[in-house]
Structures are given as structure tokens and as C-alpha cells.
Protein backbone atom coordinates (compact mmCIF):
# COMPACT_ATOMS: atom_id res chain seq x y z
CA MET A 1 -54.68 7.95 25.87
CA GLN A 2 -58.37 8.71 25.39
CA THR A 3 -59.89 11.65 27.23
CA ILE A 4 -63.18 11.14 29.06
CA GLN A 5 -64.76 14.29 30.39
CA ILE A 6 -67.76 14.51 32.69
CA LEU A 7 -69.42 17.90 32.88
CA ALA A 8 -71.69 17.82 35.91
CA LEU A 9 -73.92 20.66 36.97
CA GLY A 10 -73.65 20.63 40.75
CA LYS A 11 -71.29 19.15 43.30
CA CYS A 12 -71.11 15.64 44.67
CA LYS A 13 -71.95 16.49 48.30
CA GLU A 14 -72.30 13.15 50.08
CA SER A 15 -68.96 11.81 51.34
CA TYR A 16 -69.78 8.17 50.56
CA LEU A 17 -70.59 9.08 46.95
CA ARG A 18 -67.41 11.18 46.66
CA GLU A 19 -65.44 8.15 47.88
CA ALA A 20 -67.10 5.93 45.28
CA CYS A 21 -66.26 8.49 42.57
CA LYS A 22 -62.64 8.59 43.75
CA GLU A 23 -62.41 4.80 43.56
CA TYR A 24 -63.59 4.75 39.94
CA GLU A 25 -61.36 7.72 39.10
CA LYS A 26 -58.40 5.70 40.41
CA ARG A 27 -59.43 2.60 38.45
CA LEU A 28 -59.99 4.59 35.26
CA SER A 29 -56.57 6.28 35.42
CA ARG A 30 -55.08 3.17 33.76
CA PHE A 31 -57.35 3.50 30.72
CA CYS A 32 -58.07 7.16 30.07
CA LYS A 33 -57.45 10.73 31.07
CA LEU A 34 -60.53 11.49 33.17
CA ASP A 35 -61.64 15.06 33.79
CA ILE A 36 -64.64 15.73 36.01
CA LEU A 37 -65.74 19.35 36.00
CA GLU A 38 -68.35 20.40 38.52
CA ILE A 39 -70.17 23.45 37.21
CA GLU A 40 -72.27 25.65 39.47
CA PRO A 41 -75.90 25.43 38.34
CA ALA A 42 -77.79 28.63 37.62
CA SER A 43 -79.52 29.92 40.74
CA LEU A 44 -83.28 29.75 40.87
CA PRO A 45 -85.89 30.89 43.40
CA GLN A 46 -87.63 28.35 45.66
CA ASN A 47 -90.59 27.79 43.32
CA PRO A 48 -89.37 28.82 39.87
CA SER A 49 -91.70 29.47 36.97
CA ASP A 50 -91.32 27.51 33.75
CA ARG A 51 -89.81 30.60 32.14
CA GLU A 52 -87.21 30.91 34.91
CA ILE A 53 -86.31 27.24 34.52
CA VAL A 54 -85.84 27.59 30.76
CA GLN A 55 -83.65 30.68 31.27
CA ALA A 56 -81.55 28.83 33.86
CA LEU A 57 -81.11 25.84 31.54
CA GLU A 58 -80.05 28.18 28.71
CA LYS A 59 -77.47 29.81 30.99
CA GLU A 60 -76.17 26.37 32.01
CA SER A 61 -76.00 25.30 28.35
CA GLU A 62 -73.67 28.22 27.60
CA MET A 63 -71.31 27.00 30.34
CA LEU A 64 -71.44 23.46 28.95
CA PHE A 65 -70.90 24.48 25.31
CA LYS A 66 -67.62 26.19 26.25
CA ARG A 67 -66.25 22.91 27.59
CA ILE A 68 -67.60 20.11 25.39
CA LYS A 69 -64.86 18.18 23.59
CA GLY A 70 -65.21 15.43 21.03
CA TYR A 71 -68.11 13.01 21.04
CA CYS A 72 -70.86 14.43 23.27
CA ILE A 73 -73.23 12.26 25.28
CA ALA A 74 -76.13 14.04 27.00
CA MET A 75 -77.43 12.11 29.99
CA CYS A 76 -81.21 12.47 29.89
CA ILE A 77 -84.15 10.29 30.80
CA GLU A 78 -85.66 10.51 27.31
CA GLY A 79 -82.41 9.31 25.74
CA LYS A 80 -81.60 5.94 24.28
CA MET A 81 -80.94 3.05 26.64
CA LEU A 82 -77.82 1.05 25.87
CA ASP A 83 -76.52 -2.06 27.50
CA SER A 84 -72.94 -2.05 28.80
CA PRO A 85 -71.42 -3.57 25.62
CA GLY A 86 -73.28 -0.92 23.60
CA LEU A 87 -71.73 1.90 25.63
CA ALA A 88 -68.32 0.24 25.30
CA LYS A 89 -68.73 0.27 21.49
CA LYS A 90 -69.53 4.00 21.53
CA ILE A 91 -66.47 4.77 23.68
CA GLU A 92 -64.25 2.56 21.54
CA ALA A 93 -65.52 4.12 18.30
CA ALA A 94 -64.91 7.61 19.70
CA ALA A 95 -61.32 6.61 20.50
CA ASP A 96 -60.78 6.30 16.75
CA GLY A 97 -62.17 9.81 16.19
CA GLY A 98 -60.60 13.25 16.44
CA GLU A 99 -59.66 15.31 19.50
CA SER A 100 -57.74 12.40 21.06
CA GLY A 101 -60.93 10.37 20.92
CA ALA A 102 -62.45 12.61 23.56
CA VAL A 103 -65.86 11.77 24.95
CA THR A 104 -67.83 14.30 26.98
CA PHE A 105 -70.72 13.22 29.19
CA CYS A 106 -73.08 16.03 30.24
CA ILE A 107 -75.06 15.60 33.44
CA GLY A 108 -77.65 18.31 33.94
CA SER A 109 -78.91 20.05 37.04
CA SER A 110 -82.02 18.91 38.90
CA TYR A 111 -84.06 20.40 36.03
CA GLY A 112 -82.13 18.43 33.40
CA LEU A 113 -80.37 19.77 30.34
CA ALA A 114 -81.39 22.51 27.92
CA THR A 115 -82.88 21.42 24.60
CA GLU A 116 -79.85 22.97 22.84
CA VAL A 117 -77.47 20.64 24.68
CA LYS A 118 -79.57 17.61 23.78
CA ARG A 119 -79.62 18.73 20.13
CA ARG A 120 -75.84 19.25 20.13
CA ALA A 121 -75.20 15.82 21.61
CA ASP A 122 -74.05 13.00 19.36
CA LEU A 123 -75.96 10.63 21.65
CA ARG A 124 -78.71 11.13 24.20
CA LEU A 125 -78.28 8.42 26.79
CA SER A 126 -80.66 7.26 29.51
CA MET A 127 -79.51 5.03 32.35
CA SER A 128 -83.06 3.99 33.16
CA ALA A 129 -86.66 5.09 33.03
CA MET A 130 -86.31 5.56 36.79
CA THR A 131 -85.11 8.81 38.32
CA PHE A 132 -81.85 8.88 40.29
CA PRO A 133 -80.18 11.63 42.30
CA HIS A 134 -77.55 13.34 40.15
CA GLN A 135 -74.80 12.41 42.56
CA LEU A 136 -75.68 8.71 42.40
CA ALA A 137 -76.02 8.90 38.62
CA ARG A 138 -72.43 10.17 38.49
CA VAL A 139 -71.18 7.11 40.40
CA MET A 140 -73.23 4.82 38.15
CA LEU A 141 -71.85 6.54 35.05
CA LEU A 142 -68.26 6.19 36.27
CA GLU A 143 -68.83 2.49 36.93
CA GLN A 144 -70.25 2.04 33.44
CA ILE A 145 -67.29 3.85 31.87
CA TYR A 146 -64.95 1.60 33.85
CA ARG A 147 -66.99 -1.45 32.78
CA SER A 148 -66.71 -0.25 29.17
CA TYR A 149 -62.93 -0.31 29.32
CA GLN A 150 -63.07 -3.77 30.88
CA ILE A 151 -65.30 -4.95 28.03
CA ILE A 152 -62.99 -3.37 25.45
CA GLY A 153 -60.04 -5.11 27.13
CA GLY A 154 -61.83 -8.45 27.27
CA THR A 155 -61.44 -8.90 31.02
CA LYS A 156 -63.67 -10.98 33.31
CA TYR A 157 -65.06 -7.91 35.12
CA HIS A 158 -68.11 -7.84 32.84
CA LYS A 159 -69.97 -11.13 33.05
């Protein structure tokens, strides 16, 4: 069974979003081993300088690098936009790769991801040119992963 890992800097705080995540976690349990790791973001002062932000992102990247497995997808606004069948192809292709076909999605903190993480990634993926709260982006990502497995399985879920 393929492993899908989501490394998320920060917690999903809103109860309605946690419930949505749980629903997709339950649905995905039939298709993959899903691991969601919430990593505490580096602490920053109220109005951080650019230097402080870069240092925080570097610290966060060290925590991410320790946990990345398999094919790495960095979620970032400047990444490539894929349609749902395109993401399904990436997940399916990774399933044929090493490390049990593991795919790791990295979701950054409110300041994004360090340049090193984006460089390390096999794919930089953008959900949209619009900005979404990280917690909502996690729900959207889980839905798209679920949709990918539905596409791979040829079900009617994806129309």
C-alpha cells in the first residue's frame, strides 16, 4: 500500500476543518497509508525582519528534511498548476517508485517554505494563484489526493 505523507507546519485549529480532514483521512484509508505530521513552526516576533523570516524558514526546513520520504511535492504558490488527472498521474507514477511509492507533500508555515525545500522537491505544486489559509489548503489537498485515487481507480467520483 502506497504511503502518502503530509508534513504541515502548524496545527489545524478550526474544528470544522479538522472534521473535514478526518473525513478524507477515513476515505483515504482504503487506498493508502496516510501520515499527517503537524510540525511546530519556528517562533517569530510580531513584526519579523526579512532576516528573521529566512532564519525561521531554514530552521523549519531542517525539521522537514528529517522526515521527507520518497517523491517530494512542495506546496507553493509559484509552483506548477496541475489539473486533478495530472496530480493522479504523479501519485500513480510515484507508486511504481522506491520507498513503497511514498509521496511527501510539504505545506509551509504562513511565510511559506525555505528555498532549500523547494529545490529539494521533485515537484513544486500550486493549488491556485489565490492565497488560502494553510488549514483550508490542507483540506483541499486531502480532497485532491482522494480524487486522485478515484481517478486512478476509474470511479465516477471525478466527472
